[in-house]
C-alpha atoms as a PDB file:
ATOM      1  CA  MET A   1      71.918 113.979 107.987  1.00  0.00           C
ATOM      2  CA  LYS A   2      70.464 110.482 108.345  1.00  0.00           C
ATOM      3  CA  LYS A   3      66.967 111.949 108.605  1.00  0.00           C
ATOM      4  CA  ALA A   4      67.501 114.001 105.442  1.00  0.00           C
ATOM      5  CA  LEU A   5      68.800 110.940 103.574  1.00  0.00           C
ATOM      6  CA  LEU A   6      65.854 108.822 104.753  1.00  0.00           C
ATOM      7  CA  LEU A   7      63.457 111.559 103.649  1.00  0.00           C
ATOM      8  CA  MET A   8      65.267 111.768 100.306  1.00  0.00           C
ATOM      9  CA  GLY A   9      65.061 108.005  99.770  1.00  0.00           C
ATOM     10  CA  GLY A  10      61.373 107.856 100.629  1.00  0.00           C
ATOM     11  CA  LEU A  11      60.491 110.796  98.377  1.00  0.00           C
ATOM     12  CA  LEU A  12      62.588 109.443  95.513  1.00  0.00           C
ATOM     13  CA  LEU A  13      60.859 106.082  95.838  1.00  0.00           C
ATOM     14  CA  LEU A  14      57.448 107.785  95.902  1.00  0.00           C
ATOM     15  CA  ASP A  15      58.292 109.782  92.767  1.00  0.00           C
ATOM     16  CA  GLN A  16      59.454 106.762  90.798  1.00  0.00           C
ATOM     17  CA  ILE A  17      56.604 104.467  91.908  1.00  0.00           C
ATOM     18  CA  ALA A  18      54.055 107.146  90.989  1.00  0.00           C
ATOM     19  CA  LYS A  19      55.751 107.700  87.631  1.00  0.00           C
ATOM     20  CA  ILE A  20      55.912 103.980  86.833  1.00  0.00           C
ATOM     21  CA  GLY A  21      52.275 103.531  87.808  1.00  0.00           C
ATOM     22  CA  ILE A  22      50.969 106.519  85.852  1.00  0.00           C
ATOM     23  CA  VAL A  23      53.049 105.859  82.733  1.00  0.00           C
ATOM     24  CA  HIS A  24      52.374 102.111  82.558  1.00  0.00           C
ATOM     25  CA  MET A  25      48.654 102.465  83.289  1.00  0.00           C
ATOM     26  CA  ASN A  26      48.521 104.539  80.108  1.00  0.00           C
ATOM     27  CA  VAL A  27      46.010 107.020  81.519  1.00  0.00           C
ATOM     28  CA  GLY A  28      44.582 109.526  79.119  1.00  0.00           C
ATOM     29  CA  HIS A  29      43.214 112.505  80.998  1.00  0.00           C
ATOM     30  CA  ILE A  30      41.862 112.242  84.555  1.00  0.00           C
ATOM     31  CA  PRO A  31      40.528 115.481  86.069  1.00  0.00           C
ATOM     32  CA  ILE A  32      41.409 116.052  89.734  1.00  0.00           C
ATOM     33  CA  LEU A  33      40.185 119.589  90.374  1.00  0.00           C
ATOM     34  CA  TYR A  34      37.586 120.342  87.716  1.00  0.00           C
ATOM     35  CA  SER A  35      39.516 121.145  84.556  1.00  0.00           C
ATOM     36  CA  TYR A  36      42.233 123.124  86.345  1.00  0.00           C
ATOM     37  CA  LEU A  37      44.318 120.218  87.668  1.00  0.00           C
ATOM     38  CA  SER A  38      44.445 116.818  86.026  1.00  0.00           C
ATOM     39  CA  ILE A  39      46.563 113.741  85.446  1.00  0.00           C
ATOM     40  CA  SER A  40      47.791 113.838  81.881  1.00  0.00           C
ATOM     41  CA  VAL A  41      51.127 112.313  80.829  1.00  0.00           C
ATOM     42  CA  LYS A  42      53.651 114.235  78.731  1.00  0.00           C
ATOM     43  CA  HIS A  43      57.138 112.903  77.984  1.00  0.00           C
ATOM     44  CA  ASN A  44      59.585 115.790  77.968  1.00  0.00           C
ATOM     45  CA  THR A  45      62.502 114.483  75.926  1.00  0.00           C
ATOM     46  CA  GLN A  46      64.243 117.846  75.780  1.00  0.00           C
ATOM     47  CA  MET A  47      65.678 117.018  79.231  1.00  0.00           C
ATOM     48  CA  SER A  48      65.200 120.451  80.825  1.00  0.00           C
ATOM     49  CA  MET A  49      62.654 123.178  81.334  1.00  0.00           C
ATOM     50  CA  VAL A  50      65.062 125.680  79.763  1.00  0.00           C
ATOM     51  CA  ASN A  51      65.252 123.570  76.578  1.00  0.00           C
ATOM     52  CA  SER A  52      61.458 123.214  76.499  1.00  0.00           C
ATOM     53  CA  LEU A  53      60.544 126.835  77.169  1.00  0.00           C
ATOM     54  CA  PHE A  54      63.175 128.623  75.106  1.00  0.00           C
ATOM     55  CA  GLY A  55      63.897 126.102  72.381  1.00  0.00           C
ATOM     56  CA  PHE A  56      67.510 125.590  73.427  1.00  0.00           C
ATOM     57  CA  SER A  57      69.188 122.308  72.714  1.00  0.00           C
ATOM     58  CA  PHE A  58      71.771 121.653  75.391  1.00  0.00           C
ATOM     59  CA  TYR A  59      73.360 118.266  74.919  1.00  0.00           C
ATOM     60  CA  PRO A  60      71.893 115.580  77.214  1.00  0.00           C
ATOM     61  CA  ILE A  61      75.329 114.612  78.545  1.00  0.00           C
ATOM     62  CA  LEU A  62      75.966 118.242  79.544  1.00  0.00           C
ATOM     63  CA  LEU A  63      72.666 118.315  81.444  1.00  0.00           C
ATOM     64  CA  ILE A  64      73.439 115.001  83.150  1.00  0.00           C
ATOM     65  CA  VAL A  65      76.889 116.250  84.229  1.00  0.00           C
ATOM     66  CA  PHE A  66      75.332 119.510  85.466  1.00  0.00           C
ATOM     67  CA  ASN A  67      72.690 117.559  87.411  1.00  0.00           C
ATOM     68  CA  ALA A  68      75.364 115.339  88.970  1.00  0.00           C
ATOM     69  CA  ALA A  69      77.361 118.461  89.934  1.00  0.00           C
ATOM     70  CA  VAL A  70      74.275 119.926  91.640  1.00  0.00           C
ATOM     71  CA  ILE A  71      73.831 116.694  93.599  1.00  0.00           C
ATOM     72  CA  PHE A  72      77.513 116.811  94.615  1.00  0.00           C
ATOM     73  CA  TRP A  73      77.198 120.481  95.636  1.00  0.00           C
ATOM     74  CA  GLY A  74      74.029 119.709  97.609  1.00  0.00           C
ATOM     75  CA  THR A  75      75.799 116.886  99.431  1.00  0.00           C
ATOM     76  CA  VAL A  76      78.758 119.126 100.294  1.00  0.00           C
ATOM     77  CA  CYS A  77      76.384 121.833 101.575  1.00  0.00           C
ATOM     78  CA  MET A  78      74.503 119.269 103.670  1.00  0.00           C
ATOM     79  CA  MET A  79      77.770 118.041 105.197  1.00  0.00           C
ATOM     80  CA  TYR A  80      78.827 121.627 105.954  1.00  0.00           C
ATOM     81  CA  ALA A  81      75.429 122.422 107.470  1.00  0.00           C
ATOM     82  CA  ARG A  82      75.638 119.280 109.592  1.00  0.00           C
ATOM     83  CA  LYS A  83      79.091 120.288 110.814  1.00  0.00           C
ATOM     84  CA  LYS A  84      77.782 123.743 111.758  1.00  0.00           C
ATOM     85  CA  GLY A  85      74.763 122.247 113.530  1.00  0.00           C
ATOM     86  CA  VAL A  86      72.091 123.520 111.141  1.00  0.00           C
ATOM     87  CA  LEU A  87      70.649 120.116 110.247  1.00  0.00           C
ATOM     88  CA  GLN A  88      69.174 119.760 113.715  1.00  0.00           C
ATOM     89  CA  ARG A  89      66.275 122.020 112.682  1.00  0.00           C
ATOM     90  CA  ALA A  90      63.294 120.249 111.150  1.00  0.00           C
ATOM     91  CA  ALA A  91      62.961 122.787 108.317  1.00  0.00           C
ATOM     92  CA  ALA A  92      66.639 122.363 107.380  1.00  0.00           C
ATOM     93  CA  ILE A  93      66.324 118.576 107.383  1.00  0.00           C
ATOM     94  CA  GLY A  94      63.227 118.874 105.216  1.00  0.00           C
ATOM     95  CA  ALA A  95      64.882 121.329 102.830  1.00  0.00           C
ATOM     96  CA  ALA A  96      67.898 119.054 102.415  1.00  0.00           C
ATOM     97  CA  GLY A  97      65.756 115.933 101.949  1.00  0.00           C
ATOM     98  CA  PHE A  98      63.387 117.533  99.439  1.00  0.00           C
ATOM     99  CA  PHE A  99      66.261 119.158  97.518  1.00  0.00           C
ATOM    100  CA  MET A 100      68.246 115.941  97.235  1.00  0.00           C
ATOM    101  CA  ALA A 101      65.122 113.943  96.296  1.00  0.00           C
ATOM    102  CA  GLY A 102      64.231 116.435  93.552  1.00  0.00           C
ATOM    103  CA  THR A 103      67.719 116.587  92.077  1.00  0.00           C
ATOM    104  CA  CYS A 104      68.245 112.806  92.258  1.00  0.00           C
ATOM    105  CA  ALA A 105      64.836 112.245  90.625  1.00  0.00           C
ATOM    106  CA  ALA A 106      65.780 114.702  87.858  1.00  0.00           C
ATOM    107  CA  LEU A 107      69.029 112.812  87.225  1.00  0.00           C
ATOM    108  CA  LEU A 108      67.231 109.469  87.287  1.00  0.00           C
ATOM    109  CA  ASP A 109      64.652 110.784  84.801  1.00  0.00           C
ATOM    110  CA  LYS A 110      67.375 111.858  82.380  1.00  0.00           C
ATOM    111  CA  VAL A 111      69.325 108.612  82.643  1.00  0.00           C
ATOM    112  CA  ALA A 112      66.585 105.968  83.028  1.00  0.00           C
ATOM    113  CA  TRP A 113      63.596 107.538  81.271  1.00  0.00           C
ATOM    114  CA  GLY A 114      65.317 109.534  78.514  1.00  0.00           C
ATOM    115  CA  GLY A 115      63.674 112.694  79.803  1.00  0.00           C
ATOM    116  CA  SER A 116      60.976 113.529  82.267  1.00  0.00           C
ATOM    117  CA  TYR A 117      57.502 112.019  82.353  1.00  0.00           C
ATOM    118  CA  ASP A 118      55.483 114.943  83.634  1.00  0.00           C
ATOM    119  CA  TRP A 119      52.066 113.687  84.651  1.00  0.00           C
ATOM    120  CA  LEU A 120      50.347 116.492  86.531  1.00  0.00           C
ATOM    121  CA  CYS A 121      48.792 119.221  84.432  1.00  0.00           C
ATOM    122  CA  VAL A 122      47.600 122.706  85.390  1.00  0.00           C
ATOM    123  CA  ASP A 123      45.279 124.255  82.829  1.00  0.00           C
ATOM    124  CA  ILE A 124      44.062 127.729  83.770  1.00  0.00           C
ATOM    125  CA  PRO A 125      41.997 129.439  81.051  1.00  0.00           C
ATOM    126  CA  PHE A 126      43.765 132.833  81.111  1.00  0.00           C
ATOM    127  CA  LEU A 127      47.269 131.313  80.845  1.00  0.00           C
ATOM    128  CA  PRO A 128      48.648 130.850  77.323  1.00  0.00           C
ATOM    129  CA  ALA A 129      49.546 127.159  77.745  1.00  0.00           C
ATOM    130  CA  ARG A 130      49.105 124.193  80.024  1.00  0.00           C
ATOM    131  CA  TYR A 131      51.856 123.555  82.549  1.00  0.00           C
ATOM    132  CA  PHE A 132      53.025 119.962  83.069  1.00  0.00           C
ATOM    133  CA  PHE A 133      55.026 118.836  86.100  1.00  0.00           C
ATOM    134  CA  ASP A 134      55.612 115.854  88.383  1.00  0.00           C
ATOM    135  CA  LEU A 135      56.525 115.141  91.989  1.00  0.00           C
ATOM    136  CA  LYS A 136      60.201 116.081  91.612  1.00  0.00           C
ATOM    137  CA  ASP A 137      59.184 119.600  90.651  1.00  0.00           C
ATOM    138  CA  ILE A 138      57.004 119.796  93.760  1.00  0.00           C
ATOM    139  CA  PHE A 139      59.893 118.477  95.867  1.00  0.00           C
ATOM    140  CA  LEU A 140      62.201 121.216  94.569  1.00  0.00           C
ATOM    141  CA  ASP A 141      59.581 123.911  95.213  1.00  0.00           C
ATOM    142  CA  ILE A 142      59.064 122.646  98.765  1.00  0.00           C
ATOM    143  CA  SER A 143      62.838 122.634  99.349  1.00  0.00           C
ATOM    144  CA  VAL A 144      63.041 126.306  98.351  1.00  0.00           C
ATOM    145  CA  LEU A 145      60.124 127.153 100.654  1.00  0.00           C
ATOM    146  CA  LEU A 146      61.724 125.297 103.583  1.00  0.00           C
ATOM    147  CA  LEU A 147      65.067 126.973 102.876  1.00  0.00           C
ATOM    148  CA  LEU A 148      63.363 130.372 103.035  1.00  0.00           C
ATOM    149  CA  ILE A 149      61.816 129.382 106.365  1.00  0.00           C
ATOM    150  CA  CYS A 150      65.302 128.436 107.610  1.00  0.00           C
ATOM    151  CA  LEU A 151      66.736 131.759 106.471  1.00  0.00           C
ATOM    152  CA  VAL A 152      63.962 133.735 108.142  1.00  0.00           C
ATOM    153  CA  ALA A 153      64.424 131.723 111.348  1.00  0.00           C
ATOM    154  CA  ALA A 154      68.184 132.319 111.259  1.00  0.00           C
ATOM    155  CA  LYS A 155      67.804 136.023 110.440  1.00  0.00           C
ATOM    156  CA  ARG A 156      68.601 137.125 113.988  1.00  0.00           C
ATOM    157  CA  SER A 157      71.654 134.963 114.349  1.00  0.00           C
ATOM    158  CA  ALA A 158      74.605 134.160 112.123  1.00  0.00           C
ATOM    159  CA  ARG A 159      75.953 131.593 114.594  1.00  0.00           C
ATOM    160  CA  TRP A 160      75.507 128.679 112.158  1.00  0.00           C
ATOM    161  CA  LEU A 161      77.556 130.423 109.479  1.00  0.00           C
ATOM    162  CA  TYR A 162      80.242 132.327 111.368  1.00  0.00           C
ATOM    163  CA  GLY A 163      80.374 130.485 114.665  1.00  0.00           C
ATOM    164  CA  HIS A 164      79.230 133.483 116.768  1.00  0.00           C
ATOM    165  CA  ASP A 165      76.270 135.838 117.067  1.00  0.00           C
ATOM    166  CA  ARG A 166      75.581 138.463 114.445  1.00  0.00           C
ATOM    167  CA  ASP A 167      75.542 141.150 117.149  1.00  0.00           C
ATOM    168  CA  THR A 168      79.241 140.614 117.782  1.00  0.00           C
ATOM    169  CA  LEU A 169      79.931 141.018 114.054  1.00  0.00           C
ATOM    170  CA  THR A 170      78.440 144.501 113.887  1.00  0.00           C
ATOM    171  CA  LYS A 171      80.313 145.902 116.912  1.00  0.00           C
END
């Protein structure tokens, strides 16, 4: 669990330093990969992707409480996984660290920045709109990928969940 927390702290620090640097440098539009990927700052004050995409207007305090509940749930799951011995695997440590960094960064964005400063932009000609994101979104995507790797690796054994092999469950 210490490794996951160290990873979380480092990633959270990286996210906030990058955000502070990009926002305060007041960059306009810097292409990274031709016109498909660029640095372009957008302040999302609607506090969530659901609000932005579908025009909903969930109250900010409700979103902050929900985000805090997700962090609490993630911490409880990490403690349970540690008790069951799952957090010894590198992919599980990575998934926990990336998940906690992404959710903590999302909460910090809502509280400290009044929304999210998304500063990476994907602009593919056949898509209807440009997609803005930042490091916390990448962290959450990586956590899901690492979790899937953990699930595939644990497919043959349910020992970490039930305390014994899956083969003994089916007999």
